[in-house]
Amino acid sequence: MVSIMASGKGTGKTKKIIEMANAKLKSCSGNIIFIDDDKRHMLDINHDIRFMSMDEFPFKKADEFISFLYGMIANNYDTKTIYIDGLMKVAEVDVNEIPSFVDKLEEIGKAYDVEIITTLSLKESNVPSEVSKYLM
């Protein structure tokens, strides 16, 4: 249920995840949420996708972000896909916290039948081995 796109900064991850989200509209039977750290890419996202800018919310810690995701899903049980651009920025996840954080994302995905796709600004070789199975 979790997929991670990892590569260094400035390698086109944001453009790719936006394209993926917009293309998903054609095949998704439920709702799509796109979460970003600010509003820069809001107009690049199709208006049928729920765009969430984290600069509008007063938290950034990893556990608070997980609670936020639960709230988003509880608010709309038709959510089928969540895109998160820049996981380490959006949720202030440290490299050492990535494995446990991704485990929580996987739990959410399985429990609510939600696909979660995220980007990481890390070279694949720097991604913790515990989450390498999620790399796209």
N, C-alpha and C. Protein backbone atom coordinates (compact mmCIF):
# COMPACT_ATOMS: atom_id res chain seq x y z
N MET A 1 0.81 -1.21 0.00
CA MET A 1 0.00 0.00 0.00
C MET A 1 0.85 1.27 0.00
N VAL A 2 2.14 1.17 0.33
CA VAL A 2 3.03 2.32 0.34
C VAL A 2 4.04 2.18 -0.79
N SER A 3 4.26 3.27 -1.49
CA SER A 3 5.30 3.34 -2.51
C SER A 3 6.11 4.60 -2.27
N ILE A 4 7.43 4.47 -2.43
CA ILE A 4 8.33 5.60 -2.17
C ILE A 4 9.17 5.87 -3.42
N MET A 5 9.16 7.13 -3.84
CA MET A 5 10.02 7.59 -4.92
C MET A 5 11.16 8.37 -4.26
N ALA A 6 12.36 7.82 -4.32
CA ALA A 6 13.51 8.44 -3.66
C ALA A 6 14.59 8.78 -4.67
N SER A 7 15.09 9.99 -4.58
CA SER A 7 16.26 10.43 -5.35
C SER A 7 16.69 11.78 -4.78
N GLY A 8 17.84 12.22 -5.20
CA GLY A 8 18.39 13.46 -4.68
C GLY A 8 17.54 14.67 -5.00
N LYS A 9 17.83 15.75 -4.33
CA LYS A 9 17.11 17.00 -4.54
C LYS A 9 17.31 17.50 -5.97
N GLY A 10 16.22 17.99 -6.56
CA GLY A 10 16.29 18.56 -7.89
C GLY A 10 16.30 17.56 -9.02
N THR A 11 15.78 16.35 -8.76
CA THR A 11 15.81 15.31 -9.80
C THR A 11 14.45 15.08 -10.45
N GLY A 12 13.46 15.90 -10.15
CA GLY A 12 12.16 15.81 -10.81
C GLY A 12 11.11 14.97 -10.11
N LYS A 13 11.30 14.67 -8.84
CA LYS A 13 10.33 13.86 -8.10
C LYS A 13 8.96 14.54 -8.03
N THR A 14 8.95 15.83 -7.76
CA THR A 14 7.68 16.55 -7.63
C THR A 14 6.91 16.52 -8.93
N LYS A 15 7.57 16.78 -10.01
CA LYS A 15 6.90 16.75 -11.32
C LYS A 15 6.31 15.37 -11.58
N LYS A 16 7.07 14.32 -11.26
CA LYS A 16 6.59 12.95 -11.49
C LYS A 16 5.39 12.61 -10.62
N ILE A 17 5.44 13.00 -9.34
CA ILE A 17 4.33 12.64 -8.45
C ILE A 17 3.06 13.43 -8.81
N ILE A 18 3.22 14.65 -9.29
CA ILE A 18 2.07 15.42 -9.76
C ILE A 18 1.46 14.76 -10.99
N GLU A 19 2.30 14.33 -11.92
CA GLU A 19 1.81 13.63 -13.11
C GLU A 19 1.09 12.34 -12.72
N MET A 20 1.66 11.62 -11.75
CA MET A 20 1.04 10.38 -11.29
C MET A 20 -0.35 10.64 -10.69
N ALA A 21 -0.44 11.68 -9.87
CA ALA A 21 -1.72 12.01 -9.23
C ALA A 21 -2.77 12.39 -10.27
N ASN A 22 -2.40 13.24 -11.19
CA ASN A 22 -3.35 13.67 -12.23
C ASN A 22 -3.77 12.50 -13.10
N ALA A 23 -2.86 11.61 -13.43
CA ALA A 23 -3.18 10.44 -14.25
C ALA A 23 -4.06 9.45 -13.49
N LYS A 24 -3.89 9.37 -12.18
CA LYS A 24 -4.65 8.43 -11.34
C LYS A 24 -6.15 8.71 -11.39
N LEU A 25 -6.53 9.95 -11.66
CA LEU A 25 -7.95 10.31 -11.73
C LEU A 25 -8.71 9.44 -12.72
N LYS A 26 -8.05 9.02 -13.78
CA LYS A 26 -8.71 8.24 -14.83
C LYS A 26 -9.07 6.82 -14.36
N SER A 27 -8.33 6.31 -13.38
CA SER A 27 -8.54 4.92 -12.97
C SER A 27 -8.99 4.75 -11.52
N CYS A 28 -9.00 5.81 -10.74
CA CYS A 28 -9.32 5.70 -9.32
C CYS A 28 -10.83 5.76 -9.10
N SER A 29 -11.34 4.80 -8.35
CA SER A 29 -12.78 4.75 -8.08
C SER A 29 -13.17 5.59 -6.86
N GLY A 30 -12.19 6.11 -6.15
CA GLY A 30 -12.47 6.92 -4.97
C GLY A 30 -11.81 8.28 -5.06
N ASN A 31 -11.61 8.90 -3.92
CA ASN A 31 -11.02 10.23 -3.87
C ASN A 31 -9.51 10.17 -3.71
N ILE A 32 -8.86 11.22 -4.20
CA ILE A 32 -7.41 11.34 -4.14
C ILE A 32 -7.06 12.59 -3.35
N ILE A 33 -6.05 12.47 -2.49
CA ILE A 33 -5.54 13.61 -1.72
C ILE A 33 -4.08 13.81 -2.10
N PHE A 34 -3.68 15.05 -2.29
CA PHE A 34 -2.28 15.39 -2.57
C PHE A 34 -1.82 16.34 -1.46
N ILE A 35 -0.79 15.94 -0.72
CA ILE A 35 -0.28 16.73 0.41
C ILE A 35 1.09 17.26 0.06
N ASP A 36 1.27 18.57 0.24
CA ASP A 36 2.54 19.23 -0.04
C ASP A 36 2.87 20.15 1.13
N ASP A 37 4.11 20.61 1.19
CA ASP A 37 4.51 21.48 2.30
C ASP A 37 4.07 22.93 2.10
N ASP A 38 3.76 23.33 0.88
CA ASP A 38 3.27 24.69 0.61
C ASP A 38 2.37 24.66 -0.62
N LYS A 39 1.95 25.83 -1.09
CA LYS A 39 0.97 25.93 -2.18
C LYS A 39 1.59 26.11 -3.57
N ARG A 40 2.92 26.02 -3.68
CA ARG A 40 3.57 26.27 -4.98
C ARG A 40 2.98 25.47 -6.13
N HIS A 41 2.61 24.23 -5.87
CA HIS A 41 2.17 23.35 -6.95
C HIS A 41 0.65 23.15 -6.99
N MET A 42 -0.07 23.96 -6.25
CA MET A 42 -1.52 23.81 -6.15
C MET A 42 -2.19 23.86 -7.52
N LEU A 43 -1.76 24.74 -8.39
CA LEU A 43 -2.40 24.88 -9.69
C LEU A 43 -2.00 23.79 -10.68
N ASP A 44 -0.98 23.01 -10.34
CA ASP A 44 -0.56 21.90 -11.19
C ASP A 44 -1.39 20.65 -10.95
N ILE A 45 -2.09 20.63 -9.84
CA ILE A 45 -2.91 19.48 -9.45
C ILE A 45 -4.32 19.68 -9.98
N ASN A 46 -4.88 18.65 -10.60
CA ASN A 46 -6.25 18.70 -11.11
C ASN A 46 -7.20 19.09 -9.98
N HIS A 47 -8.18 19.92 -10.30
CA HIS A 47 -9.09 20.44 -9.27
C HIS A 47 -9.97 19.35 -8.65
N ASP A 48 -10.03 18.16 -9.24
CA ASP A 48 -10.79 17.07 -8.65
C ASP A 48 -10.00 16.32 -7.57
N ILE A 49 -8.75 16.68 -7.39
CA ILE A 49 -7.90 16.10 -6.36
C ILE A 49 -7.89 17.05 -5.17
N ARG A 50 -8.07 16.52 -3.98
CA ARG A 50 -8.04 17.36 -2.77
C ARG A 50 -6.59 17.75 -2.48
N PHE A 51 -6.25 19.02 -2.62
CA PHE A 51 -4.90 19.51 -2.37
C PHE A 51 -4.82 20.02 -0.94
N MET A 52 -3.84 19.53 -0.18
CA MET A 52 -3.64 19.96 1.19
C MET A 52 -2.24 20.57 1.32
N SER A 53 -2.20 21.80 1.75
CA SER A 53 -0.93 22.48 1.98
C SER A 53 -0.65 22.50 3.48
N MET A 54 0.46 21.87 3.87
CA MET A 54 0.74 21.75 5.30
C MET A 54 1.12 23.09 5.95
N ASP A 55 1.41 24.11 5.15
CA ASP A 55 1.70 25.40 5.76
C ASP A 55 0.45 26.03 6.38
N GLU A 56 -0.71 25.42 6.15
CA GLU A 56 -1.96 25.91 6.74
C GLU A 56 -2.25 25.27 8.09
N PHE A 57 -1.44 24.31 8.49
CA PHE A 57 -1.69 23.58 9.73
C PHE A 57 -0.54 23.79 10.70
N PRO A 58 -0.85 23.95 12.00
CA PRO A 58 0.17 24.35 12.98
C PRO A 58 1.01 23.20 13.56
N PHE A 59 1.23 22.14 12.82
CA PHE A 59 2.05 21.05 13.32
C PHE A 59 2.95 20.52 12.23
N LYS A 60 3.97 19.80 12.63
CA LYS A 60 4.86 19.19 11.66
C LYS A 60 5.47 17.89 12.15
N LYS A 61 5.32 17.58 13.41
CA LYS A 61 5.94 16.37 13.95
C LYS A 61 5.32 15.12 13.33
N ALA A 62 6.11 14.07 13.25
CA ALA A 62 5.70 12.84 12.58
C ALA A 62 4.42 12.24 13.17
N ASP A 63 4.33 12.15 14.49
CA ASP A 63 3.14 11.54 15.09
C ASP A 63 1.90 12.40 14.87
N GLU A 64 2.07 13.70 14.84
CA GLU A 64 0.94 14.60 14.56
C GLU A 64 0.47 14.43 13.11
N PHE A 65 1.42 14.24 12.22
CA PHE A 65 1.09 14.03 10.82
C PHE A 65 0.31 12.73 10.63
N ILE A 66 0.69 11.68 11.32
CA ILE A 66 -0.04 10.41 11.26
C ILE A 66 -1.47 10.62 11.73
N SER A 67 -1.65 11.36 12.82
CA SER A 67 -3.00 11.66 13.31
C SER A 67 -3.79 12.46 12.28
N PHE A 68 -3.11 13.38 11.62
CA PHE A 68 -3.73 14.16 10.55
C PHE A 68 -4.25 13.24 9.44
N LEU A 69 -3.44 12.26 9.04
CA LEU A 69 -3.87 11.31 8.00
C LEU A 69 -5.10 10.52 8.44
N TYR A 70 -5.09 10.05 9.68
CA TYR A 70 -6.26 9.35 10.20
C TYR A 70 -7.50 10.24 10.13
N GLY A 71 -7.35 11.50 10.48
CA GLY A 71 -8.46 12.44 10.41
C GLY A 71 -8.96 12.66 9.00
N MET A 72 -8.04 12.75 8.06
CA MET A 72 -8.42 12.91 6.65
C MET A 72 -9.25 11.72 6.17
N ILE A 73 -8.81 10.53 6.53
CA ILE A 73 -9.52 9.33 6.12
C ILE A 73 -10.86 9.22 6.84
N ALA A 74 -10.89 9.54 8.13
CA ALA A 74 -12.14 9.50 8.88
C ALA A 74 -13.16 10.48 8.32
N ASN A 75 -12.68 11.59 7.81
CA ASN A 75 -13.55 12.60 7.22
C ASN A 75 -14.13 12.15 5.89
N ASN A 76 -13.40 11.26 5.19
CA ASN A 76 -13.84 10.84 3.87
C ASN A 76 -13.40 9.39 3.63
N TYR A 77 -14.31 8.46 3.90
CA TYR A 77 -13.99 7.04 3.75
C TYR A 77 -13.82 6.63 2.29
N ASP A 78 -14.12 7.52 1.35
CA ASP A 78 -13.92 7.22 -0.07
C ASP A 78 -12.50 7.52 -0.53
N THR A 79 -11.63 7.95 0.37
CA THR A 79 -10.24 8.22 0.02
C THR A 79 -9.58 6.90 -0.37
N LYS A 80 -9.00 6.87 -1.58
CA LYS A 80 -8.34 5.65 -2.07
C LYS A 80 -6.85 5.84 -2.30
N THR A 81 -6.42 7.08 -2.53
CA THR A 81 -5.00 7.32 -2.79
C THR A 81 -4.58 8.63 -2.13
N ILE A 82 -3.42 8.58 -1.48
CA ILE A 82 -2.84 9.79 -0.88
C ILE A 82 -1.42 9.94 -1.42
N TYR A 83 -1.15 11.10 -1.99
CA TYR A 83 0.19 11.44 -2.45
C TYR A 83 0.79 12.42 -1.46
N ILE A 84 2.03 12.17 -1.06
CA ILE A 84 2.73 13.06 -0.13
C ILE A 84 4.03 13.48 -0.80
N ASP A 85 4.15 14.75 -1.13
CA ASP A 85 5.37 15.24 -1.77
C ASP A 85 6.32 15.77 -0.71
N GLY A 86 7.46 15.14 -0.58
CA GLY A 86 8.48 15.59 0.36
C GLY A 86 8.21 15.16 1.78
N LEU A 87 8.18 13.86 2.00
CA LEU A 87 7.83 13.30 3.31
C LEU A 87 8.66 13.90 4.45
N MET A 88 9.95 14.05 4.24
CA MET A 88 10.81 14.54 5.33
C MET A 88 10.51 16.00 5.66
N LYS A 89 10.00 16.76 4.69
CA LYS A 89 9.63 18.15 4.93
C LYS A 89 8.23 18.26 5.53
N VAL A 90 7.30 17.57 4.93
CA VAL A 90 5.90 17.66 5.34
C VAL A 90 5.69 17.19 6.77
N ALA A 91 6.32 16.08 7.13
CA ALA A 91 6.09 15.49 8.45
C ALA A 91 7.29 15.62 9.38
N GLU A 92 8.31 16.36 8.95
CA GLU A 92 9.55 16.49 9.72
C GLU A 92 10.06 15.14 10.21
N VAL A 93 10.18 14.22 9.26
CA VAL A 93 10.68 12.89 9.56
C VAL A 93 12.19 12.88 9.34
N ASP A 94 12.92 12.46 10.35
CA ASP A 94 14.37 12.32 10.26
C ASP A 94 14.68 11.00 9.56
N VAL A 95 15.84 10.91 8.94
CA VAL A 95 16.24 9.69 8.23
C VAL A 95 16.11 8.46 9.13
N ASN A 96 16.49 8.59 10.37
CA ASN A 96 16.42 7.45 11.31
C ASN A 96 14.99 7.06 11.65
N GLU A 97 14.04 7.98 11.48
CA GLU A 97 12.64 7.72 11.79
C GLU A 97 11.86 7.14 10.62
N ILE A 98 12.47 7.15 9.43
CA ILE A 98 11.76 6.73 8.22
C ILE A 98 11.19 5.31 8.35
N PRO A 99 11.96 4.32 8.80
CA PRO A 99 11.38 2.97 8.88
C PRO A 99 10.12 2.87 9.74
N SER A 100 10.14 3.43 10.93
CA SER A 100 8.95 3.34 11.80
C SER A 100 7.80 4.17 11.23
N PHE A 101 8.12 5.29 10.61
CA PHE A 101 7.08 6.13 10.01
C PHE A 101 6.42 5.40 8.84
N VAL A 102 7.22 4.79 7.99
CA VAL A 102 6.67 4.05 6.85
C VAL A 102 5.85 2.86 7.33
N ASP A 103 6.25 2.24 8.43
CA ASP A 103 5.44 1.16 9.01
C ASP A 103 4.05 1.67 9.38
N LYS A 104 3.99 2.87 9.94
CA LYS A 104 2.69 3.46 10.30
C LYS A 104 1.88 3.77 9.06
N LEU A 105 2.53 4.27 8.00
CA LEU A 105 1.83 4.53 6.74
C LEU A 105 1.27 3.22 6.18
N GLU A 106 2.05 2.16 6.26
CA GLU A 106 1.62 0.85 5.76
C GLU A 106 0.41 0.36 6.56
N GLU A 107 0.41 0.56 7.87
CA GLU A 107 -0.73 0.17 8.71
C GLU A 107 -1.99 0.92 8.27
N ILE A 108 -1.85 2.22 8.04
CA ILE A 108 -2.99 3.03 7.59
C ILE A 108 -3.50 2.51 6.25
N GLY A 109 -2.58 2.28 5.33
CA GLY A 109 -2.97 1.81 4.01
C GLY A 109 -3.73 0.51 4.05
N LYS A 110 -3.24 -0.44 4.84
CA LYS A 110 -3.90 -1.75 4.94
C LYS A 110 -5.25 -1.64 5.65
N ALA A 111 -5.29 -0.89 6.73
CA ALA A 111 -6.51 -0.78 7.52
C ALA A 111 -7.65 -0.13 6.76
N TYR A 112 -7.33 0.83 5.89
CA TYR A 112 -8.38 1.60 5.21
C TYR A 112 -8.37 1.44 3.70
N ASP A 113 -7.59 0.47 3.20
CA ASP A 113 -7.50 0.22 1.77
C ASP A 113 -7.14 1.50 1.00
N VAL A 114 -6.08 2.14 1.46
CA VAL A 114 -5.61 3.39 0.87
C VAL A 114 -4.19 3.20 0.36
N GLU A 115 -3.96 3.60 -0.87
CA GLU A 115 -2.62 3.57 -1.44
C GLU A 115 -1.93 4.88 -1.07
N ILE A 116 -0.69 4.81 -0.57
CA ILE A 116 0.05 6.00 -0.17
C ILE A 116 1.34 6.04 -0.97
N ILE A 117 1.51 7.13 -1.73
CA ILE A 117 2.71 7.31 -2.54
C ILE A 117 3.40 8.56 -2.03
N THR A 118 4.69 8.45 -1.76
CA THR A 118 5.42 9.60 -1.22
C THR A 118 6.78 9.75 -1.89
N THR A 119 7.33 10.94 -1.77
CA THR A 119 8.69 11.20 -2.27
C THR A 119 9.61 11.44 -1.09
N LEU A 120 10.86 11.06 -1.29
CA LEU A 120 11.92 11.30 -0.32
C LEU A 120 13.10 11.95 -1.04
N SER A 121 13.60 13.02 -0.50
CA SER A 121 14.78 13.66 -1.07
C SER A 121 16.03 13.01 -0.50
N LEU A 122 16.23 11.78 -0.91
CA LEU A 122 17.40 10.99 -0.52
C LEU A 122 17.79 10.14 -1.72
N LYS A 123 19.07 9.99 -1.93
CA LYS A 123 19.50 9.04 -2.94
C LYS A 123 19.06 7.66 -2.48
N GLU A 124 18.71 6.81 -3.44
CA GLU A 124 18.25 5.47 -3.09
C GLU A 124 19.24 4.74 -2.20
N SER A 125 20.52 4.99 -2.41
CA SER A 125 21.55 4.32 -1.62
C SER A 125 21.54 4.77 -0.16
N ASN A 126 20.92 5.93 0.13
CA ASN A 126 20.84 6.44 1.50
C ASN A 126 19.53 6.12 2.20
N VAL A 127 18.62 5.50 1.47
CA VAL A 127 17.33 5.14 2.06
C VAL A 127 17.57 3.95 2.99
N PRO A 128 17.03 4.01 4.22
CA PRO A 128 17.21 2.88 5.15
C PRO A 128 16.78 1.55 4.52
N SER A 129 17.57 0.54 4.72
CA SER A 129 17.32 -0.76 4.08
C SER A 129 15.95 -1.34 4.45
N GLU A 130 15.44 -1.01 5.62
CA GLU A 130 14.14 -1.53 6.05
C GLU A 130 12.99 -1.10 5.15
N VAL A 131 13.16 0.00 4.43
CA VAL A 131 12.08 0.49 3.57
C VAL A 131 12.39 0.33 2.08
N SER A 132 13.48 -0.32 1.77
CA SER A 132 13.86 -0.46 0.35
C SER A 132 12.81 -1.23 -0.45
N LYS A 133 12.05 -2.09 0.21
CA LYS A 133 11.00 -2.85 -0.50
C LYS A 133 9.89 -1.96 -1.00
N TYR A 134 9.78 -0.74 -0.50
CA TYR A 134 8.75 0.19 -0.92
C TYR A 134 9.17 1.10 -2.07
N LEU A 135 10.44 1.06 -2.43
CA LEU A 135 10.94 1.95 -3.49
C LEU A 135 10.31 1.62 -4.83
N MET A 136 9.99 2.67 -5.55
CA MET A 136 9.39 2.52 -6.88
C MET A 136 10.49 2.43 -7.94
